[in-house]
Amino acid sequence: MTDLAPLFRFATYPVGAVRALTGANEGDPIGLGDAALPGDTYRLARDARARRLAICDGPDGGQVVATGSEVGRPGDALTIAACHSFMGEAGEMIEMLVLRRGSAADGTTLHLLPLAPLRPGTNYELIGSSAAAAPERFADIASVSFFAGTHLTLAGGAQVRVEDLKVGDLLLTRDHGPQPIRWIGHQTRRAIGAAAPIRIAEGTLNTARDLYLSPQHRLFIWQRRDALGTGRSEVLVKAELLVNGTTVTRAEGGHVDSYQILFDGHEIIFAEGIAVESLLVTSDVRARLPEALRLDTALQEQRSATEFEVDEGALGDAVDAAARLTRASRGDEG
């Protein structure tokens, strides 16, 4: 069977959880095309429950439901079909992706992925919808990003802010020594919901300064003792899974500049003194790369990366996970 280990996990709602309160589609669930008309007012059901959708790249390069997903069946095709834009009662802007699961032959189901929290009982007016912008907005929340001001380690040991790097600069990698940067992506986006950076406070996980990473960004942690009981010393942990409200928090508000650093292969590099991953080539990343940039090892590197990743079950209590991993990396007892 094809390996369908998850690359991303997002909280999604069934399409029926958001229905039109007023307008041309009154009473109907939000959908695509004429089933989502600007001016209609929508509301999230009070009893709506989000479920985790696990996503990975399929054998043909498209996105599919991954193993362990709470939604759908492993291997189901996924399409990022539309991005709806809403205005809340307080004037706040909310975006929501519509994901189509399944095929025309077997039938399709829609799922909703809000890019910022939706409040049950609150009215949201649909002000626009775009199919063209949807894949890019998904890439914004799925990409491995550093944020302006983050110091990365050059091959010679110097610390340089990510926004000052250029293609060809040599960064220090954990496994392959000095490696040249092949491509740098840059976006400016709102720091809200799934696109808000995760702040890892100075000292936590041995950071030299506060470190800001995208939620799906994985940290490489070498445990001097196996605090997680995984049977191995080397693990990868997504930043969002370490949020505890104190030393690891979501930094919401305003706009941020994010940067993606790509090498010939998937590398472990150093940001604010600790090991983190570089950009991993997935289907959404590949669509944004220049045509001349050909990287043929992507699928194997996805498998290698997910092999070392730990999920919520292995981490246990999220409030204590960062502290336990910090102690384990230092070899402290307890």
Protein backbone atom coordinates (compact mmCIF):
# COMPACT_ATOMS: atom_id res chain seq x y z
CA MET A 1 0.00 0.00 0.00
CA THR A 2 1.22 3.52 -0.79
CA ASP A 3 2.69 5.37 2.20
CA LEU A 4 0.21 8.11 3.13
CA ALA A 5 1.85 9.54 6.25
CA PRO A 6 0.38 12.99 7.00
CA LEU A 7 2.29 16.13 6.06
CA PHE A 8 -0.34 18.53 7.45
CA ARG A 9 -3.26 18.39 9.88
CA PHE A 10 -5.94 21.07 9.98
CA ALA A 11 -9.17 21.52 11.91
CA THR A 12 -12.10 21.43 9.47
CA TYR A 13 -15.91 21.53 9.62
CA PRO A 14 -18.44 19.68 7.51
CA VAL A 15 -20.02 21.99 4.95
CA GLY A 16 -23.38 21.84 6.73
CA ALA A 17 -21.90 23.48 9.83
CA VAL A 18 -22.03 26.92 8.15
CA ARG A 19 -25.44 27.89 6.75
CA ALA A 20 -26.98 31.00 5.25
CA LEU A 21 -29.03 32.92 7.82
CA THR A 22 -30.31 35.49 5.31
CA GLY A 23 -30.01 36.03 1.58
CA ALA A 24 -30.60 34.12 -1.64
CA ASN A 25 -29.38 30.84 -0.11
CA GLU A 26 -31.22 31.18 3.21
CA GLY A 27 -31.11 27.90 5.15
CA ASP A 28 -28.63 26.23 2.79
CA PRO A 29 -25.06 25.20 3.65
CA ILE A 30 -22.33 27.31 2.10
CA GLY A 31 -20.84 25.80 -1.02
CA LEU A 32 -19.37 26.76 -4.37
CA GLY A 33 -20.60 28.94 -7.23
CA ASP A 34 -24.23 30.02 -6.79
CA ALA A 35 -24.28 28.24 -3.40
CA ALA A 36 -22.09 31.07 -2.06
CA LEU A 37 -23.36 34.51 -3.10
CA PRO A 38 -21.89 37.80 -1.82
CA GLY A 39 -24.30 39.61 0.46
CA ASP A 40 -25.64 36.44 2.11
CA THR A 41 -25.13 36.21 5.87
CA TYR A 42 -23.82 32.98 7.37
CA ARG A 43 -23.50 31.52 10.85
CA LEU A 44 -21.57 28.61 12.36
CA ALA A 45 -23.86 26.15 14.13
CA ARG A 46 -23.53 26.20 17.92
CA ASP A 47 -23.08 22.43 18.05
CA ALA A 48 -20.52 22.32 15.23
CA ARG A 49 -17.43 20.27 16.03
CA ALA A 50 -14.16 20.62 14.17
CA ARG A 51 -12.37 17.44 13.11
CA ARG A 52 -8.75 17.04 12.06
CA LEU A 53 -8.17 16.49 8.35
CA ALA A 54 -4.77 14.91 7.65
CA ILE A 55 -3.29 15.69 4.22
CA CYS A 56 -0.36 14.39 2.20
CA ASP A 57 0.77 14.19 -1.42
CA GLY A 58 -0.56 11.24 -3.37
CA PRO A 59 1.32 9.05 -5.88
CA ASP A 60 0.32 11.32 -8.77
CA GLY A 61 1.51 14.48 -7.00
CA GLY A 62 -1.94 15.75 -6.04
CA GLN A 63 -3.14 16.11 -2.45
CA VAL A 64 -5.03 13.28 -0.76
CA VAL A 65 -6.38 12.35 2.65
CA ALA A 66 -3.59 10.87 4.76
CA THR A 67 -3.55 7.94 7.16
CA GLY A 68 -4.98 8.74 10.59
CA SER A 69 -7.31 11.50 9.39
CA GLU A 70 -10.53 12.05 11.36
CA VAL A 71 -12.13 13.05 8.06
CA GLY A 72 -12.51 10.90 4.94
CA ARG A 73 -10.64 7.79 3.88
CA PRO A 74 -6.90 7.53 3.20
CA GLY A 75 -6.27 8.14 -0.47
CA ASP A 76 -9.37 10.27 -1.12
CA ALA A 77 -8.46 13.04 -3.56
CA LEU A 78 -8.49 16.61 -2.24
CA THR A 79 -8.88 19.86 -4.15
CA ILE A 80 -8.53 23.35 -2.68
CA ALA A 81 -11.65 24.57 -4.44
CA ALA A 82 -12.30 28.12 -3.21
CA CYS A 83 -11.45 30.80 -0.69
CA HIS A 84 -14.45 32.64 0.78
CA SER A 85 -13.99 36.05 2.42
CA PHE A 86 -16.35 37.19 5.19
CA MET A 87 -16.84 40.26 7.32
CA GLY A 88 -17.80 39.68 10.94
CA GLU A 89 -20.14 41.78 13.06
CA ALA A 90 -17.22 43.78 14.47
CA GLY A 91 -15.79 44.47 11.01
CA GLU A 92 -13.14 41.75 11.20
CA MET A 93 -12.13 39.92 8.03
CA ILE A 94 -12.31 36.12 8.03
CA GLU A 95 -11.21 33.77 5.23
CA MET A 96 -12.33 30.18 4.83
CA LEU A 97 -11.09 27.56 2.39
CA VAL A 98 -13.49 25.08 0.80
CA LEU A 99 -11.90 21.67 0.23
CA ARG A 100 -13.48 19.19 -2.18
CA ARG A 101 -12.91 15.54 -1.25
CA GLY A 102 -13.49 12.61 -3.61
CA SER A 103 -13.93 12.27 -7.36
CA ALA A 104 -16.63 12.97 -9.92
CA ALA A 105 -17.05 9.22 -10.45
CA ASP A 106 -17.50 8.33 -6.77
CA GLY A 107 -19.08 11.56 -5.55
CA THR A 108 -17.57 14.52 -3.74
CA THR A 109 -17.93 16.06 -0.27
CA LEU A 110 -17.07 19.61 0.80
CA HIS A 111 -15.18 20.54 3.95
CA LEU A 112 -14.52 23.98 5.43
CA LEU A 113 -11.12 25.12 6.72
CA PRO A 114 -11.37 28.51 8.48
CA LEU A 115 -8.14 30.53 8.46
CA ALA A 116 -9.23 32.31 11.64
CA PRO A 117 -11.52 31.20 14.48
CA LEU A 118 -15.26 31.28 13.74
CA ARG A 119 -17.52 32.11 16.69
CA PRO A 120 -20.78 30.13 16.94
CA GLY A 121 -23.81 32.40 16.99
CA THR A 122 -21.99 35.25 15.21
CA ASN A 123 -23.14 36.51 11.81
CA TYR A 124 -20.64 36.66 8.94
CA GLU A 125 -21.44 38.39 5.67
CA LEU A 126 -19.92 36.83 2.57
CA ILE A 127 -18.17 39.59 0.65
CA GLY A 128 -16.32 37.61 -2.01
CA SER A 129 -15.08 34.25 -3.24
CA SER A 130 -12.11 33.21 -5.38
CA ALA A 131 -11.09 29.85 -6.78
CA ALA A 132 -7.80 31.21 -8.15
CA ALA A 133 -6.59 32.49 -4.78
CA ALA A 134 -7.45 29.32 -2.86
CA PRO A 135 -4.28 27.24 -3.54
CA GLU A 136 -2.07 30.20 -2.63
CA ARG A 137 -3.92 30.78 0.64
CA PHE A 138 -3.55 27.09 1.46
CA ALA A 139 0.18 27.34 0.74
CA ASP A 140 0.39 30.27 3.16
CA ILE A 141 -0.78 28.12 6.07
CA ALA A 142 0.94 24.88 4.99
CA SER A 143 4.39 26.26 4.19
CA VAL A 144 7.44 26.06 6.45
CA SER A 145 8.18 29.73 7.06
CA PHE A 146 10.59 31.90 9.01
CA PHE A 147 9.58 35.43 9.91
CA ALA A 148 11.46 38.71 9.46
CA GLY A 149 14.06 39.22 12.16
CA THR A 150 14.84 35.51 12.60
CA HIS A 151 18.59 34.78 12.66
CA LEU A 152 19.83 31.79 10.63
CA THR A 153 23.35 30.36 10.88
CA LEU A 154 25.70 30.74 7.91
CA ALA A 155 28.30 28.09 7.07
CA GLY A 156 30.98 30.09 8.90
CA GLY A 157 28.87 30.48 12.04
CA ALA A 158 27.70 34.08 11.51
CA GLN A 159 24.08 34.88 12.39
CA VAL A 160 22.14 36.60 9.60
CA ARG A 161 18.52 37.75 9.54
CA VAL A 162 16.44 35.75 7.11
CA GLU A 163 15.34 38.86 5.20
CA ASP A 164 19.02 39.65 4.43
CA LEU A 165 19.77 36.27 2.83
CA LYS A 166 20.02 35.75 -0.93
CA VAL A 167 20.06 32.80 -3.30
CA GLY A 168 23.52 31.17 -3.29
CA ASP A 169 24.34 32.01 0.34
CA LEU A 170 25.78 29.04 2.22
CA LEU A 171 23.90 28.00 5.36
CA LEU A 172 25.10 25.45 7.88
CA THR A 173 23.10 22.21 7.75
CA ARG A 174 23.17 19.49 10.37
CA ASP A 175 23.73 16.56 8.02
CA HIS A 176 25.43 17.92 4.90
CA GLY A 177 27.61 20.81 6.03
CA PRO A 178 27.48 24.09 4.07
CA GLN A 179 24.66 24.13 1.50
CA PRO A 180 23.69 26.88 -0.96
CA ILE A 181 20.19 28.34 -0.92
CA ARG A 182 18.40 27.50 -4.17
CA TRP A 183 15.24 29.59 -3.75
CA ILE A 184 13.72 32.05 -1.30
CA GLY A 185 9.97 32.63 -1.11
CA HIS A 186 8.49 35.75 0.46
CA GLN A 187 4.95 36.79 1.38
CA THR A 188 3.34 39.45 3.52
CA ARG A 189 0.24 38.17 5.29
CA ARG A 190 -2.11 38.81 8.17
CA ALA A 191 -1.00 37.19 11.41
CA ILE A 192 -4.30 35.61 12.35
CA GLY A 193 -5.56 32.09 13.00
CA ALA A 194 -3.79 29.38 11.02
CA ALA A 195 -1.40 31.95 9.50
CA ALA A 196 -0.26 33.45 12.83
CA PRO A 197 3.35 32.69 13.84
CA ILE A 198 4.16 30.48 16.80
CA ARG A 199 6.46 32.25 19.30
CA ILE A 200 8.94 30.05 21.15
CA ALA A 201 10.31 32.12 24.03
CA GLU A 202 14.04 32.56 24.58
CA GLY A 203 15.48 29.57 26.46
CA THR A 204 12.61 27.23 25.59
CA LEU A 205 14.04 24.27 23.67
CA ASN A 206 17.40 26.09 24.10
CA THR A 207 16.61 29.02 21.79
CA ALA A 208 19.10 31.90 21.94
CA ARG A 209 16.31 34.46 21.32
CA ASP A 210 12.57 34.39 20.81
CA LEU A 211 11.93 32.29 17.71
CA TYR A 212 8.91 32.74 15.42
CA LEU A 213 7.93 29.87 13.12
CA SER A 214 4.89 28.98 11.03
CA PRO A 215 2.48 26.58 12.80
CA GLN A 216 3.30 23.62 10.51
CA HIS A 217 7.07 24.19 10.85
CA ARG A 218 8.87 21.24 12.43
CA LEU A 219 11.63 21.54 14.99
CA PHE A 220 14.38 18.92 15.13
CA ILE A 221 14.96 17.82 18.71
CA TRP A 222 17.72 15.50 19.85
CA GLN A 223 16.85 13.93 23.18
CA ARG A 224 19.67 12.92 25.48
CA ARG A 225 17.06 10.71 27.09
CA ASP A 226 13.88 9.42 25.44
CA ALA A 227 11.29 11.57 27.22
CA LEU A 228 8.59 10.74 24.66
CA GLY A 229 9.06 6.98 24.68
CA THR A 230 9.43 6.86 20.89
CA GLY A 231 12.43 4.55 21.00
CA ARG A 232 14.68 7.06 19.22
CA SER A 233 16.63 10.13 20.23
CA GLU A 234 15.87 12.24 17.13
CA VAL A 235 12.34 13.58 16.60
CA LEU A 236 10.57 16.26 14.57
CA VAL A 237 7.77 18.21 16.26
CA LYS A 238 5.42 20.74 14.66
CA ALA A 239 5.56 24.13 16.35
CA GLU A 240 1.79 24.39 16.81
CA LEU A 241 1.72 21.21 18.92
CA LEU A 242 3.91 22.87 21.56
CA VAL A 243 1.63 25.85 22.19
CA ASN A 244 1.08 26.07 25.96
CA GLY A 245 0.00 29.68 26.50
CA THR A 246 3.19 30.69 28.30
CA THR A 247 6.56 29.79 26.76
CA VAL A 248 5.05 28.82 23.39
CA THR A 249 2.25 31.06 22.13
CA ARG A 250 0.43 32.20 19.00
CA ALA A 251 1.59 35.69 18.00
CA GLU A 252 -1.59 37.11 16.46
CA GLY A 253 -2.13 40.62 15.20
CA GLY A 254 -1.04 42.86 12.33
CA HIS A 255 0.87 41.75 9.26
CA VAL A 256 4.07 39.70 9.05
CA ASP A 257 6.72 39.03 6.40
CA SER A 258 7.37 35.31 5.97
CA TYR A 259 10.24 33.61 4.15
CA GLN A 260 10.73 30.06 2.83
CA ILE A 261 14.27 28.71 2.41
CA LEU A 262 14.81 25.92 -0.13
CA PHE A 263 17.93 23.81 -0.76
CA ASP A 264 18.63 20.99 -3.21
CA GLY A 265 17.21 18.68 -0.54
CA HIS A 266 15.28 18.84 2.70
CA GLU A 267 17.74 20.02 5.36
CA ILE A 268 17.95 20.65 9.08
CA ILE A 269 19.31 24.16 9.60
CA PHE A 270 19.74 26.42 12.62
CA ALA A 271 17.45 29.31 13.60
CA GLU A 272 18.12 31.31 16.76
CA GLY A 273 20.58 28.59 17.73
CA ILE A 274 18.33 25.52 17.46
CA ALA A 275 17.70 22.96 14.73
CA VAL A 276 14.63 23.32 12.50
CA GLU A 277 13.68 22.08 9.05
CA SER A 278 14.06 23.88 5.75
CA LEU A 279 11.26 24.01 3.20
CA LEU A 280 10.04 20.55 2.18
CA VAL A 281 8.85 20.27 -1.43
CA THR A 282 5.17 19.29 -1.46
CA SER A 283 2.58 19.71 -4.21
CA ASP A 284 1.55 23.18 -3.00
CA VAL A 285 5.21 24.28 -2.81
CA ARG A 286 6.07 22.85 -6.22
CA ALA A 287 3.34 24.95 -7.84
CA ARG A 288 5.07 28.12 -6.62
CA LEU A 289 8.61 27.26 -7.74
CA PRO A 290 10.18 28.62 -10.94
CA GLU A 291 9.86 26.21 -13.87
CA ALA A 292 13.64 26.00 -14.18
CA LEU A 293 13.99 24.72 -10.61
CA ARG A 294 13.67 20.94 -10.78
CA LEU A 295 13.93 18.88 -7.61
CA ASP A 296 13.32 15.15 -8.07
CA THR A 297 13.74 13.78 -4.52
CA ALA A 298 10.63 15.35 -3.01
CA LEU A 299 8.50 12.24 -2.38
CA GLN A 300 11.31 10.27 -0.72
CA GLU A 301 12.16 13.25 1.46
CA GLN A 302 8.52 13.57 2.52
CA ARG A 303 8.60 9.95 3.70
CA SER A 304 11.87 10.48 5.57
CA ALA A 305 10.59 13.61 7.29
CA THR A 306 7.30 12.07 8.42
CA GLU A 307 9.13 9.00 9.74
CA PHE A 308 10.69 11.13 12.48
CA GLU A 309 7.66 13.29 13.21
CA VAL A 310 5.74 12.84 16.46
CA ASP A 311 2.05 13.69 16.84
CA GLU A 312 -0.21 14.80 19.67
CA GLY A 313 -0.49 11.28 21.04
CA ALA A 314 3.26 10.92 21.55
CA LEU A 315 3.61 14.42 23.03
CA GLY A 316 0.95 13.89 25.68
CA ASP A 317 0.11 16.97 27.76
CA ALA A 318 0.67 19.97 25.47
CA VAL A 319 1.08 22.30 28.47
CA ASP A 320 4.17 20.36 29.55
CA ALA A 321 5.52 19.11 26.19
CA ALA A 322 7.93 22.00 25.53
CA ALA A 323 9.31 21.85 29.07
CA ARG A 324 9.77 18.07 28.92
CA LEU A 325 11.54 18.26 25.58
CA THR A 326 13.76 21.09 26.80
CA ARG A 327 14.82 18.98 29.80
CA ALA A 328 15.28 15.89 27.63
CA SER A 329 17.52 17.76 25.18
CA ARG A 330 19.73 18.84 28.08
CA GLY A 331 19.73 15.43 29.71
CA ASP A 332 18.02 16.74 32.86
CA GLU A 333 16.05 14.26 34.92
CA GLY A 334 12.31 14.62 35.60
